[in-house]
Amino acid sequence: KAKNGNEQAIDEIVSQYKGLIRSYANKFFLVGGDKDDLLQEGMLGL
């Protein structure tokens, strides 16, 4: 459903994997950036 663009399905997957993305983002550092930048990158990966 998410692959077909169903926003509710996308939201459900995002909420399910938000913790995983945050845990990966907290392990790394961007010079001149912040954790939000890495969280966004993680969301792009999702």
PDB file of all heavy atoms in Angstrom:
ATOM      1  N   LYS A   1       0.839  -1.208   0.000  1.00  0.00           N
ATOM      2  CA  LYS A   1       0.000   0.000   0.000  1.00  0.00           C
ATOM      3  C   LYS A   1       0.874   1.258   0.000  1.00  0.00           C
ATOM      4  O   LYS A   1       0.597   2.219  -0.717  1.00  0.00           O
ATOM      5  CB  LYS A   1      -0.921   0.013   1.222  1.00  0.00           C
ATOM      6  CG  LYS A   1      -2.078  -0.960   1.141  1.00  0.00           C
ATOM      7  CD  LYS A   1      -2.921  -0.861   2.405  1.00  0.00           C
ATOM      8  CE  LYS A   1      -4.060  -1.847   2.384  1.00  0.00           C
ATOM      9  NZ  LYS A   1      -4.856  -1.802   3.633  1.00  0.00           N
ATOM     10  N   ALA A   2       1.923   1.247   0.832  1.00  0.00           N
ATOM     11  CA  ALA A   2       2.820   2.397   0.902  1.00  0.00           C
ATOM     12  C   ALA A   2       3.528   2.618  -0.427  1.00  0.00           C
ATOM     13  O   ALA A   2       3.703   3.757  -0.879  1.00  0.00           O
ATOM     14  CB  ALA A   2       3.842   2.199   2.020  1.00  0.00           C
ATOM     15  N   LYS A   3       3.920   1.531  -1.052  1.00  0.00           N
ATOM     16  CA  LYS A   3       4.594   1.606  -2.349  1.00  0.00           C
ATOM     17  C   LYS A   3       3.681   2.226  -3.404  1.00  0.00           C
ATOM     18  O   LYS A   3       4.144   2.916  -4.303  1.00  0.00           O
ATOM     19  CB  LYS A   3       4.999   0.191  -2.759  1.00  0.00           C
ATOM     20  CG  LYS A   3       6.042   0.109  -3.810  1.00  0.00           C
ATOM     21  CD  LYS A   3       6.470  -1.345  -3.974  1.00  0.00           C
ATOM     22  CE  LYS A   3       7.678  -1.431  -4.854  1.00  0.00           C
ATOM     23  NZ  LYS A   3       8.177  -2.772  -4.985  1.00  0.00           N
ATOM     24  N   ASN A   4       2.387   2.022  -3.253  1.00  0.00           N
ATOM     25  CA  ASN A   4       1.411   2.584  -4.186  1.00  0.00           C
ATOM     26  C   ASN A   4       0.969   3.996  -3.796  1.00  0.00           C
ATOM     27  O   ASN A   4       0.060   4.552  -4.407  1.00  0.00           O
ATOM     28  CB  ASN A   4       0.196   1.657  -4.299  1.00  0.00           C
ATOM     29  CG  ASN A   4       0.540   0.371  -5.018  1.00  0.00           C
ATOM     30  OD1 ASN A   4       1.368   0.365  -5.922  1.00  0.00           O
ATOM     31  ND2 ASN A   4      -0.080  -0.721  -4.608  1.00  0.00           N
ATOM     32  N   GLY A   5       1.557   4.556  -2.739  1.00  0.00           N
ATOM     33  CA  GLY A   5       1.287   5.938  -2.374  1.00  0.00           C
ATOM     34  C   GLY A   5       0.255   6.136  -1.293  1.00  0.00           C
ATOM     35  O   GLY A   5      -0.151   7.272  -1.044  1.00  0.00           O
ATOM     36  N   ASN A   6      -0.171   5.103  -0.611  1.00  0.00           N
ATOM     37  CA  ASN A   6      -1.141   5.225   0.468  1.00  0.00           C
ATOM     38  C   ASN A   6      -0.473   5.919   1.653  1.00  0.00           C
ATOM     39  O   ASN A   6       0.423   5.365   2.283  1.00  0.00           O
ATOM     40  CB  ASN A   6      -1.656   3.836   0.868  1.00  0.00           C
ATOM     41  CG  ASN A   6      -2.729   3.887   1.924  1.00  0.00           C
ATOM     42  OD1 ASN A   6      -2.594   4.600   2.922  1.00  0.00           O
ATOM     43  ND2 ASN A   6      -3.783   3.118   1.721  1.00  0.00           N
ATOM     44  N   GLU A   7      -0.918   7.132   1.949  1.00  0.00           N
ATOM     45  CA  GLU A   7      -0.268   7.934   2.995  1.00  0.00           C
ATOM     46  C   GLU A   7      -0.398   7.327   4.375  1.00  0.00           C
ATOM     47  O   GLU A   7       0.512   7.419   5.195  1.00  0.00           O
ATOM     48  CB  GLU A   7      -0.825   9.358   2.980  1.00  0.00           C
ATOM     49  CG  GLU A   7      -0.383  10.145   1.780  1.00  0.00           C
ATOM     50  CD  GLU A   7      -0.808  11.589   1.842  1.00  0.00           C
ATOM     51  OE1 GLU A   7      -0.920  12.139   2.965  1.00  0.00           O
ATOM     52  OE2 GLU A   7      -1.012  12.175   0.770  1.00  0.00           O
ATOM     53  N   GLN A   8      -1.521   6.708   4.662  1.00  0.00           N
ATOM     54  CA  GLN A   8      -1.717   6.079   5.971  1.00  0.00           C
ATOM     55  C   GLN A   8      -0.719   4.936   6.156  1.00  0.00           C
ATOM     56  O   GLN A   8      -0.138   4.786   7.228  1.00  0.00           O
ATOM     57  CB  GLN A   8      -3.155   5.572   6.102  1.00  0.00           C
ATOM     58  CG  GLN A   8      -3.483   5.047   7.487  1.00  0.00           C
ATOM     59  CD  GLN A   8      -4.955   4.620   7.591  1.00  0.00           C
ATOM     60  OE1 GLN A   8      -5.707   4.708   6.630  1.00  0.00           O
ATOM     61  NE2 GLN A   8      -5.329   4.166   8.761  1.00  0.00           N
ATOM     62  N   ALA A   9      -0.491   4.162   5.111  1.00  0.00           N
ATOM     63  CA  ALA A   9       0.472   3.063   5.185  1.00  0.00           C
ATOM     64  C   ALA A   9       1.892   3.606   5.349  1.00  0.00           C
ATOM     65  O   ALA A   9       2.684   3.072   6.133  1.00  0.00           O
ATOM     66  CB  ALA A   9       0.366   2.188   3.940  1.00  0.00           C
ATOM     67  N   ILE A  10       2.196   4.690   4.639  1.00  0.00           N
ATOM     68  CA  ILE A  10       3.521   5.310   4.757  1.00  0.00           C
ATOM     69  C   ILE A  10       3.736   5.812   6.184  1.00  0.00           C
ATOM     70  O   ILE A  10       4.787   5.590   6.783  1.00  0.00           O
ATOM     71  CB  ILE A  10       3.692   6.448   3.728  1.00  0.00           C
ATOM     72  CG1 ILE A  10       3.731   5.882   2.315  1.00  0.00           C
ATOM     73  CG2 ILE A  10       4.952   7.256   4.016  1.00  0.00           C
ATOM     74  CD1 ILE A  10       3.695   6.929   1.211  1.00  0.00           C
ATOM     75  N   ASP A  11       2.721   6.500   6.727  1.00  0.00           N
ATOM     76  CA  ASP A  11       2.812   7.011   8.102  1.00  0.00           C
ATOM     77  C   ASP A  11       3.021   5.879   9.100  1.00  0.00           C
ATOM     78  O   ASP A  11       3.789   6.020  10.059  1.00  0.00           O
ATOM     79  CB  ASP A  11       1.553   7.800   8.468  1.00  0.00           C
ATOM     80  CG  ASP A  11       1.462   9.125   7.749  1.00  0.00           C
ATOM     81  OD1 ASP A  11       2.502   9.593   7.224  1.00  0.00           O
ATOM     82  OD2 ASP A  11       0.353   9.707   7.705  1.00  0.00           O
ATOM     83  N   GLU A  12       2.345   4.760   8.886  1.00  0.00           N
ATOM     84  CA  GLU A  12       2.480   3.621   9.791  1.00  0.00           C
ATOM     85  C   GLU A  12       3.900   3.051   9.744  1.00  0.00           C
ATOM     86  O   GLU A  12       4.501   2.763  10.787  1.00  0.00           O
ATOM     87  CB  GLU A  12       1.467   2.528   9.401  1.00  0.00           C
ATOM     88  CG  GLU A  12       1.370   1.409  10.395  1.00  0.00           C
ATOM     89  CD  GLU A  12       0.272   0.418  10.039  1.00  0.00           C
ATOM     90  OE1 GLU A  12      -0.753   0.832   9.465  1.00  0.00           O
ATOM     91  OE2 GLU A  12       0.455  -0.776  10.353  1.00  0.00           O
ATOM     92  N   ILE A  13       4.449   2.942   8.549  1.00  0.00           N
ATOM     93  CA  ILE A  13       5.828   2.430   8.406  1.00  0.00           C
ATOM     94  C   ILE A  13       6.822   3.412   9.009  1.00  0.00           C
ATOM     95  O   ILE A  13       7.756   3.015   9.711  1.00  0.00           O
ATOM     96  CB  ILE A  13       6.143   2.143   6.924  1.00  0.00           C
ATOM     97  CG1 ILE A  13       5.304   0.955   6.436  1.00  0.00           C
ATOM     98  CG2 ILE A  13       7.628   1.863   6.735  1.00  0.00           C
ATOM     99  CD1 ILE A  13       5.400   0.691   4.942  1.00  0.00           C
ATOM    100  N   VAL A  14       6.626   4.707   8.770  1.00  0.00           N
ATOM    101  CA  VAL A  14       7.527   5.729   9.318  1.00  0.00           C
ATOM    102  C   VAL A  14       7.512   5.679  10.838  1.00  0.00           C
ATOM    103  O   VAL A  14       8.568   5.701  11.484  1.00  0.00           O
ATOM    104  CB  VAL A  14       7.157   7.144   8.796  1.00  0.00           C
ATOM    105  CG1 VAL A  14       7.858   8.220   9.596  1.00  0.00           C
ATOM    106  CG2 VAL A  14       7.500   7.275   7.324  1.00  0.00           C
ATOM    107  N   SER A  15       6.336   5.601  11.434  1.00  0.00           N
ATOM    108  CA  SER A  15       6.266   5.557  12.905  1.00  0.00           C
ATOM    109  C   SER A  15       6.891   4.277  13.450  1.00  0.00           C
ATOM    110  O   SER A  15       7.487   4.280  14.524  1.00  0.00           O
ATOM    111  CB  SER A  15       4.827   5.708  13.381  1.00  0.00           C
ATOM    112  OG  SER A  15       4.056   4.594  13.003  1.00  0.00           O
ATOM    113  N   GLN A  16       6.793   3.193  12.690  1.00  0.00           N
ATOM    114  CA  GLN A  16       7.366   1.918  13.132  1.00  0.00           C
ATOM    115  C   GLN A  16       8.901   1.952  13.086  1.00  0.00           C
ATOM    116  O   GLN A  16       9.552   1.360  13.939  1.00  0.00           O
ATOM    117  CB  GLN A  16       6.843   0.790  12.246  1.00  0.00           C
ATOM    118  CG  GLN A  16       7.286  -0.583  12.672  1.00  0.00           C
ATOM    119  CD  GLN A  16       6.637  -1.673  11.822  1.00  0.00           C
ATOM    120  OE1 GLN A  16       5.772  -1.413  11.004  1.00  0.00           O
ATOM    121  NE2 GLN A  16       7.075  -2.892  12.025  1.00  0.00           N
ATOM    122  N   TYR A  17       9.497   2.655  12.121  1.00  0.00           N
ATOM    123  CA  TYR A  17      10.949   2.641  11.938  1.00  0.00           C
ATOM    124  C   TYR A  17      11.640   3.924  12.411  1.00  0.00           C
ATOM    125  O   TYR A  17      12.845   4.074  12.236  1.00  0.00           O
ATOM    126  CB  TYR A  17      11.293   2.361  10.471  1.00  0.00           C
ATOM    127  CG  TYR A  17      11.034   0.920  10.108  1.00  0.00           C
ATOM    128  CD1 TYR A  17       9.868   0.545   9.466  1.00  0.00           C
ATOM    129  CD2 TYR A  17      11.955  -0.062  10.442  1.00  0.00           C
ATOM    130  CE1 TYR A  17       9.617  -0.775   9.157  1.00  0.00           C
ATOM    131  CE2 TYR A  17      11.719  -1.392  10.135  1.00  0.00           C
ATOM    132  CZ  TYR A  17      10.539  -1.739   9.494  1.00  0.00           C
ATOM    133  OH  TYR A  17      10.303  -3.061   9.191  1.00  0.00           O
ATOM    134  N   LYS A  18      10.893   4.833  12.999  1.00  0.00           N
ATOM    135  CA  LYS A  18      11.474   6.095  13.478  1.00  0.00           C
ATOM    136  C   LYS A  18      12.572   5.853  14.511  1.00  0.00           C
ATOM    137  O   LYS A  18      13.618   6.495  14.490  1.00  0.00           O
ATOM    138  CB  LYS A  18      10.378   6.971  14.074  1.00  0.00           C
ATOM    139  CG  LYS A  18      10.742   8.427  14.156  1.00  0.00           C
ATOM    140  CD  LYS A  18       9.634   9.254  14.768  1.00  0.00           C
ATOM    141  CE  LYS A  18       8.451   9.312  13.834  1.00  0.00           C
ATOM    142  NZ  LYS A  18       7.370  10.174  14.321  1.00  0.00           N
ATOM    143  N   GLY A  19      12.345   4.923  15.416  1.00  0.00           N
ATOM    144  CA  GLY A  19      13.340   4.602  16.442  1.00  0.00           C
ATOM    145  C   GLY A  19      14.622   4.046  15.853  1.00  0.00           C
ATOM    146  O   GLY A  19      15.730   4.391  16.279  1.00  0.00           O
ATOM    147  N   LEU A  20      14.484   3.188  14.860  1.00  0.00           N
ATOM    148  CA  LEU A  20      15.653   2.608  14.192  1.00  0.00           C
ATOM    149  C   LEU A  20      16.465   3.712  13.515  1.00  0.00           C
ATOM    150  O   LEU A  20      17.700   3.768  13.646  1.00  0.00           O
ATOM    151  CB  LEU A  20      15.205   1.579  13.149  1.00  0.00           C
ATOM    152  CG  LEU A  20      16.318   1.053  12.246  1.00  0.00           C
ATOM    153  CD1 LEU A  20      17.120  -0.006  12.991  1.00  0.00           C
ATOM    154  CD2 LEU A  20      15.750   0.514  10.953  1.00  0.00           C
ATOM    155  N   ILE A  21      15.787   4.603  12.819  1.00  0.00           N
ATOM    156  CA  ILE A  21      16.472   5.699  12.129  1.00  0.00           C
ATOM    157  C   ILE A  21      17.190   6.584  13.138  1.00  0.00           C
ATOM    158  O   ILE A  21      18.346   6.968  12.943  1.00  0.00           O
ATOM    159  CB  ILE A  21      15.466   6.509  11.282  1.00  0.00           C
ATOM    160  CG1 ILE A  21      14.919   5.641  10.152  1.00  0.00           C
ATOM    161  CG2 ILE A  21      16.094   7.778  10.747  1.00  0.00           C
ATOM    162  CD1 ILE A  21      13.750   6.250   9.405  1.00  0.00           C
ATOM    163  N   ARG A  22      16.534   6.897  14.239  1.00  0.00           N
ATOM    164  CA  ARG A  22      17.144   7.731  15.277  1.00  0.00           C
ATOM    165  C   ARG A  22      18.386   7.042  15.866  1.00  0.00           C
ATOM    166  O   ARG A  22      19.407   7.682  16.095  1.00  0.00           O
ATOM    167  CB  ARG A  22      16.131   8.043  16.375  1.00  0.00           C
ATOM    168  CG  ARG A  22      16.689   8.985  17.434  1.00  0.00           C
ATOM    169  CD  ARG A  22      15.626   9.526  18.368  1.00  0.00           C
ATOM    170  NE  ARG A  22      14.991  10.667  17.699  1.00  0.00           N
ATOM    171  CZ  ARG A  22      13.723  10.702  17.333  1.00  0.00           C
ATOM    172  NH1 ARG A  22      12.931   9.700  17.565  1.00  0.00           N
ATOM    173  NH2 ARG A  22      13.228  11.767  16.734  1.00  0.00           N
ATOM    174  N   SER A  23      18.308   5.747  16.098  1.00  0.00           N
ATOM    175  CA  SER A  23      19.464   5.041  16.688  1.00  0.00           C
ATOM    176  C   SER A  23      20.648   5.040  15.730  1.00  0.00           C
ATOM    177  O   SER A  23      21.795   5.194  16.155  1.00  0.00           O
ATOM    178  CB  SER A  23      19.081   3.612  17.091  1.00  0.00           C
ATOM    179  OG  SER A  23      18.893   2.801  15.953  1.00  0.00           O
ATOM    180  N   TYR A  24      20.401   4.878  14.427  1.00  0.00           N
ATOM    181  CA  TYR A  24      21.492   4.954  13.455  1.00  0.00           C
ATOM    182  C   TYR A  24      22.051   6.377  13.365  1.00  0.00           C
ATOM    183  O   TYR A  24      23.262   6.578  13.310  1.00  0.00           O
ATOM    184  CB  TYR A  24      21.031   4.499  12.068  1.00  0.00           C
ATOM    185  CG  TYR A  24      20.949   2.997  11.884  1.00  0.00           C
ATOM    186  CD1 TYR A  24      20.097   2.450  10.942  1.00  0.00           C
ATOM    187  CD2 TYR A  24      21.724   2.126  12.626  1.00  0.00           C
ATOM    188  CE1 TYR A  24      20.010   1.079  10.750  1.00  0.00           C
ATOM    189  CE2 TYR A  24      21.648   0.758  12.447  1.00  0.00           C
ATOM    190  CZ  TYR A  24      20.794   0.245  11.505  1.00  0.00           C
ATOM    191  OH  TYR A  24      20.723  -1.112  11.313  1.00  0.00           O
ATOM    192  N   ALA A  25      21.180   7.356  13.349  1.00  0.00           N
ATOM    193  CA  ALA A  25      21.615   8.753  13.220  1.00  0.00           C
ATOM    194  C   ALA A  25      22.455   9.182  14.420  1.00  0.00           C
ATOM    195  O   ALA A  25      23.387   9.974  14.274  1.00  0.00           O
ATOM    196  CB  ALA A  25      20.413   9.669  13.063  1.00  0.00           C
ATOM    197  N   ASN A  26      22.152   8.664  15.603  1.00  0.00           N
ATOM    198  CA  ASN A  26      22.897   9.044  16.804  1.00  0.00           C
ATOM    199  C   ASN A  26      24.310   8.477  16.834  1.00  0.00           C
ATOM    200  O   ASN A  26      25.134   8.911  17.626  1.00  0.00           O
ATOM    201  CB  ASN A  26      22.138   8.609  18.058  1.00  0.00           C
ATOM    202  CG  ASN A  26      20.936   9.472  18.322  1.00  0.00           C
ATOM    203  OD1 ASN A  26      20.891  10.632  17.920  1.00  0.00           O
ATOM    204  ND2 ASN A  26      19.943   8.921  18.996  1.00  0.00           N
ATOM    205  N   LYS A  27      24.600   7.537  15.969  1.00  0.00           N
ATOM    206  CA  LYS A  27      25.938   6.916  15.943  1.00  0.00           C
ATOM    207  C   LYS A  27      26.923   7.702  15.091  1.00  0.00           C
ATOM    208  O   LYS A  27      28.109   7.422  15.111  1.00  0.00           O
ATOM    209  CB  LYS A  27      25.834   5.489  15.400  1.00  0.00           C
ATOM    210  CG  LYS A  27      25.077   4.554  16.306  1.00  0.00           C
ATOM    211  CD  LYS A  27      24.974   3.181  15.687  1.00  0.00           C
ATOM    212  CE  LYS A  27      24.126   2.275  16.573  1.00  0.00           C
ATOM    213  NZ  LYS A  27      23.947   0.946  15.986  1.00  0.00           N
ATOM    214  N   PHE A  28      26.441   8.688  14.349  1.00  0.00           N
ATOM    215  CA  PHE A  28      27.295   9.404  13.414  1.00  0.00           C
ATOM    216  C   PHE A  28      27.239  10.902  13.652  1.00  0.00           C
ATOM    217  O   PHE A  28      26.400  11.399  14.388  1.00  0.00           O
ATOM    218  CB  PHE A  28      26.886   9.077  11.972  1.00  0.00           C
ATOM    219  CG  PHE A  28      27.033   7.622  11.638  1.00  0.00           C
ATOM    220  CD1 PHE A  28      25.931   6.785  11.688  1.00  0.00           C
ATOM    221  CD2 PHE A  28      28.257   7.079  11.303  1.00  0.00           C
ATOM    222  CE1 PHE A  28      26.048   5.440  11.405  1.00  0.00           C
ATOM    223  CE2 PHE A  28      28.392   5.740  11.019  1.00  0.00           C
ATOM    224  CZ  PHE A  28      27.280   4.917  11.063  1.00  0.00           C
ATOM    225  N   PHE A  29      28.151  11.611  12.961  1.00  0.00           N
ATOM    226  CA  PHE A  29      28.293  13.047  13.152  1.00  0.00           C
ATOM    227  C   PHE A  29      28.575  13.700  11.809  1.00  0.00           C
ATOM    228  O   PHE A  29      29.367  13.202  11.023  1.00  0.00           O
ATOM    229  CB  PHE A  29      29.451  13.320  14.121  1.00  0.00           C
ATOM    230  CG  PHE A  29      29.760  14.771  14.300  1.00  0.00           C
ATOM    231  CD1 PHE A  29      28.927  15.585  15.047  1.00  0.00           C
ATOM    232  CD2 PHE A  29      30.880  15.331  13.706  1.00  0.00           C
ATOM    233  CE1 PHE A  29      29.201  16.930  15.206  1.00  0.00           C
ATOM    234  CE2 PHE A  29      31.170  16.671  13.865  1.00  0.00           C
ATOM    235  CZ  PHE A  29      30.324  17.465  14.616  1.00  0.00           C
ATOM    236  N   LEU A  30      27.917  14.830  11.554  1.00  0.00           N
ATOM    237  CA  LEU A  30      28.180  15.636  10.366  1.00  0.00           C
ATOM    238  C   LEU A  30      28.805  16.961  10.790  1.00  0.00           C
ATOM    239  O   LEU A  30      28.240  17.670  11.615  1.00  0.00           O
ATOM    240  CB  LEU A  30      26.886  15.960   9.613  1.00  0.00           C
ATOM    241  CG  LEU A  30      26.261  14.883   8.759  1.00  0.00           C
ATOM    242  CD1 LEU A  30      24.970  15.395   8.147  1.00  0.00           C
ATOM    243  CD2 LEU A  30      27.192  14.418   7.682  1.00  0.00           C
ATOM    244  N   VAL A  31      29.968  17.297  10.234  1.00  0.00           N
ATOM    245  CA  VAL A  31      30.595  18.580  10.527  1.00  0.00           C
ATOM    246  C   VAL A  31      29.724  19.664   9.910  1.00  0.00           C
ATOM    247  O   VAL A  31      29.364  19.612   8.744  1.00  0.00           O
ATOM    248  CB  VAL A  31      32.018  18.656   9.946  1.00  0.00           C
ATOM    249  CG1 VAL A  31      32.617  20.030  10.164  1.00  0.00           C
ATOM    250  CG2 VAL A  31      32.893  17.586  10.555  1.00  0.00           C
ATOM    251  N   GLY A  32      29.353  20.640  10.723  1.00  0.00           N
ATOM    252  CA  GLY A  32      28.520  21.724  10.235  1.00  0.00           C
ATOM    253  C   GLY A  32      27.053  21.347  10.108  1.00  0.00           C
ATOM    254  O   GLY A  32      26.254  22.127   9.644  1.00  0.00           O
ATOM    255  N   GLY A  33      26.712  20.162  10.508  1.00  0.00           N
ATOM    256  CA  GLY A  33      25.323  19.720  10.443  1.00  0.00           C
ATOM    257  C   GLY A  33      24.838  19.369  11.832  1.00  0.00           C
ATOM    258  O   GLY A  33      25.523  19.567  12.829  1.00  0.00           O
ATOM    259  N   ASP A  34      23.654  18.838  11.913  1.00  0.00           N
ATOM    260  CA  ASP A  34      23.145  18.407  13.204  1.00  0.00           C
ATOM    261  C   ASP A  34      22.439  17.069  13.043  1.00  0.00           C
ATOM    262  O   ASP A  34      22.373  16.517  11.946  1.00  0.00           O
ATOM    263  CB  ASP A  34      22.244  19.467  13.837  1.00  0.00           C
ATOM    264  CG  ASP A  34      21.049  19.830  12.976  1.00  0.00           C
ATOM    265  OD1 ASP A  34      20.789  19.119  11.981  1.00  0.00           O
ATOM    266  OD2 ASP A  34      20.370  20.812  13.289  1.00  0.00           O
ATOM    267  N   LYS A  35      21.912  16.572  14.126  1.00  0.00           N
ATOM    268  CA  LYS A  35      21.252  15.265  14.110  1.00  0.00           C
ATOM    269  C   LYS A  35      20.044  15.259  13.190  1.00  0.00           C
ATOM    270  O   LYS A  35      19.723  14.238  12.593  1.00  0.00           O
ATOM    271  CB  LYS A  35      20.835  14.839  15.527  1.00  0.00           C
ATOM    272  CG  LYS A  35      22.000  14.470  16.402  1.00  0.00           C
ATOM    273  CD  LYS A  35      22.687  13.237  15.876  1.00  0.00           C
ATOM    274  CE  LYS A  35      23.909  12.922  16.708  1.00  0.00           C
ATOM    275  NZ  LYS A  35      24.814  12.013  16.038  1.00  0.00           N
ATOM    276  N   ASP A  36      19.377  16.388  13.065  1.00  0.00           N
ATOM    277  CA  ASP A  36      18.213  16.446  12.177  1.00  0.00           C
ATOM    278  C   ASP A  36      18.593  16.143  10.734  1.00  0.00           C
ATOM    279  O   ASP A  36      17.825  15.530   9.998  1.00  0.00           O
ATOM    280  CB  ASP A  36      17.541  17.815  12.254  1.00  0.00           C
ATOM    281  CG  ASP A  36      16.801  18.021  13.563  1.00  0.00           C
ATOM    282  OD1 ASP A  36      16.466  17.020  14.226  1.00  0.00           O
ATOM    283  OD2 ASP A  36      16.545  19.187  13.913  1.00  0.00           O
ATOM    284  N   ASP A  37      19.795  16.584  10.322  1.00  0.00           N
ATOM    285  CA  ASP A  37      20.251  16.291   8.968  1.00  0.00           C
ATOM    286  C   ASP A  37      20.398  14.790   8.764  1.00  0.00           C
ATOM    287  O   ASP A  37      20.000  14.246   7.730  1.00  0.00           O
ATOM    288  CB  ASP A  37      21.581  16.989   8.679  1.00  0.00           C
ATOM    289  CG  ASP A  37      21.455  18.503   8.672  1.00  0.00           C
ATOM    290  OD1 ASP A  37      20.346  19.009   8.411  1.00  0.00           O
ATOM    291  OD2 ASP A  37      22.467  19.173   8.945  1.00  0.00           O
ATOM    292  N   LEU A  38      20.971  14.127   9.749  1.00  0.00           N
ATOM    293  CA  LEU A  38      21.130  12.680   9.643  1.00  0.00           C
ATOM    294  C   LEU A  38      19.788  11.957   9.734  1.00  0.00           C
ATOM    295  O   LEU A  38      19.583  10.939   9.076  1.00  0.00           O
ATOM    296  CB  LEU A  38      22.088  12.165  10.727  1.00  0.00           C
ATOM    297  CG  LEU A  38      23.551  12.559  10.530  1.00  0.00           C
ATOM    298  CD1 LEU A  38      24.392  12.126  11.717  1.00  0.00           C
ATOM    299  CD2 LEU A  38      24.097  11.958   9.248  1.00  0.00           C
ATOM    300  N   LEU A  39      18.881  12.481  10.535  1.00  0.00           N
ATOM    301  CA  LEU A  39      17.538  11.895  10.593  1.00  0.00           C
ATOM    302  C   LEU A  39      16.848  12.002   9.238  1.00  0.00           C
ATOM    303  O   LEU A  39      16.174  11.067   8.788  1.00  0.00           O
ATOM    304  CB  LEU A  39      16.693  12.579  11.671  1.00  0.00           C
ATOM    305  CG  LEU A  39      17.057  12.252  13.120  1.00  0.00           C
ATOM    306  CD1 LEU A  39      16.284  13.155  14.079  1.00  0.00           C
ATOM    307  CD2 LEU A  39      16.784  10.801  13.428  1.00  0.00           C
ATOM    308  N   GLN A  40      17.008  13.124   8.580  1.00  0.00           N
ATOM    309  CA  GLN A  40      16.429  13.285   7.248  1.00  0.00           C
ATOM    310  C   GLN A  40      17.033  12.299   6.259  1.00  0.00           C
ATOM    311  O   GLN A  40      16.326  11.732   5.418  1.00  0.00           O
ATOM    312  CB  GLN A  40      16.623  14.717   6.751  1.00  0.00           C
ATOM    313  CG  GLN A  40      15.727  15.708   7.420  1.00  0.00           C
ATOM    314  CD  GLN A  40      15.955  17.120   6.916  1.00  0.00           C
ATOM    315  OE1 GLN A  40      16.947  17.424   6.268  1.00  0.00           O
ATOM    316  NE2 GLN A  40      15.009  18.000   7.216  1.00  0.00           N
ATOM    317  N   GLU A  41      18.342  12.110   6.352  1.00  0.00           N
ATOM    318  CA  GLU A  41      18.993  11.132   5.483  1.00  0.00           C
ATOM    319  C   GLU A  41      18.436   9.736   5.747  1.00  0.00           C
ATOM    320  O   GLU A  41      18.185   8.965   4.824  1.00  0.00           O
ATOM    321  CB  GLU A  41      20.513  11.148   5.680  1.00  0.00           C
ATOM    322  CG  GLU A  41      21.190  12.399   5.183  1.00  0.00           C
ATOM    323  CD  GLU A  41      21.119  12.575   3.678  1.00  0.00           C
ATOM    324  OE1 GLU A  41      21.023  11.576   2.936  1.00  0.00           O
ATOM    325  OE2 GLU A  41      21.174  13.733   3.226  1.00  0.00           O
ATOM    326  N   GLY A  42      18.233   9.421   7.013  1.00  0.00           N
ATOM    327  CA  GLY A  42      17.653   8.127   7.366  1.00  0.00           C
ATOM    328  C   GLY A  42      16.246   7.971   6.811  1.00  0.00           C
ATOM    329  O   GLY A  42      15.865   6.896   6.337  1.00  0.00           O
ATOM    330  N   MET A  43      15.468   9.043   6.863  1.00  0.00           N
ATOM    331  CA  MET A  43      14.107   9.004   6.297  1.00  0.00           C
ATOM    332  C   MET A  43      14.159   8.792   4.785  1.00  0.00           C
ATOM    333  O   MET A  43      13.327   8.065   4.226  1.00  0.00           O
ATOM    334  CB  MET A  43      13.361  10.286   6.617  1.00  0.00           C
ATOM    335  CG  MET A  43      12.997  10.414   8.065  1.00  0.00           C
ATOM    336  SD  MET A  43      11.962   9.068   8.601  1.00  0.00           S
ATOM    337  CE  MET A  43      10.517   9.945   9.037  1.00  0.00           C
ATOM    338  N   LEU A  44      15.136   9.411   4.136  1.00  0.00           N
ATOM    339  CA  LEU A  44      15.294   9.171   2.700  1.00  0.00           C
ATOM    340  C   LEU A  44      15.593   7.698   2.429  1.00  0.00           C
ATOM    341  O   LEU A  44      15.075   7.116   1.472  1.00  0.00           O
ATOM    342  CB  LEU A  44      16.418  10.046   2.134  1.00  0.00           C
ATOM    343  CG  LEU A  44      16.123  11.523   2.003  1.00  0.00           C
ATOM    344  CD1 LEU A  44      17.385  12.289   1.609  1.00  0.00           C
ATOM    345  CD2 LEU A  44      15.024  11.765   0.998  1.00  0.00           C
ATOM    346  N   GLY A  45      16.443   7.118   3.280  1.00  0.00           N
ATOM    347  CA  GLY A  45      16.733   5.687   3.151  1.00  0.00           C
ATOM    348  C   GLY A  45      15.483   4.843   3.329  1.00  0.00           C
ATOM    349  O   GLY A  45      15.273   3.861   2.609  1.00  0.00           O
ATOM    350  N   LEU A  46      14.638   5.223   4.280  1.00  0.00           N
ATOM    351  CA  LEU A  46      13.384   4.498   4.508  1.00  0.00           C
ATOM    352  C   LEU A  46      12.468   4.605   3.288  1.00  0.00           C
ATOM    353  O   LEU A  46      11.890   3.609   2.844  1.00  0.00           O
ATOM    354  CB  LEU A  46      12.677   5.032   5.752  1.00  0.00           C
ATOM    355  CG  LEU A  46      11.302   4.417   6.062  1.00  0.00           C
ATOM    356  CD1 LEU A  46      11.422   2.921   6.311  1.00  0.00           C
ATOM    357  CD2 LEU A  46      10.676   5.113   7.261  1.00  0.00           C
TER     358      LEU A  46
END
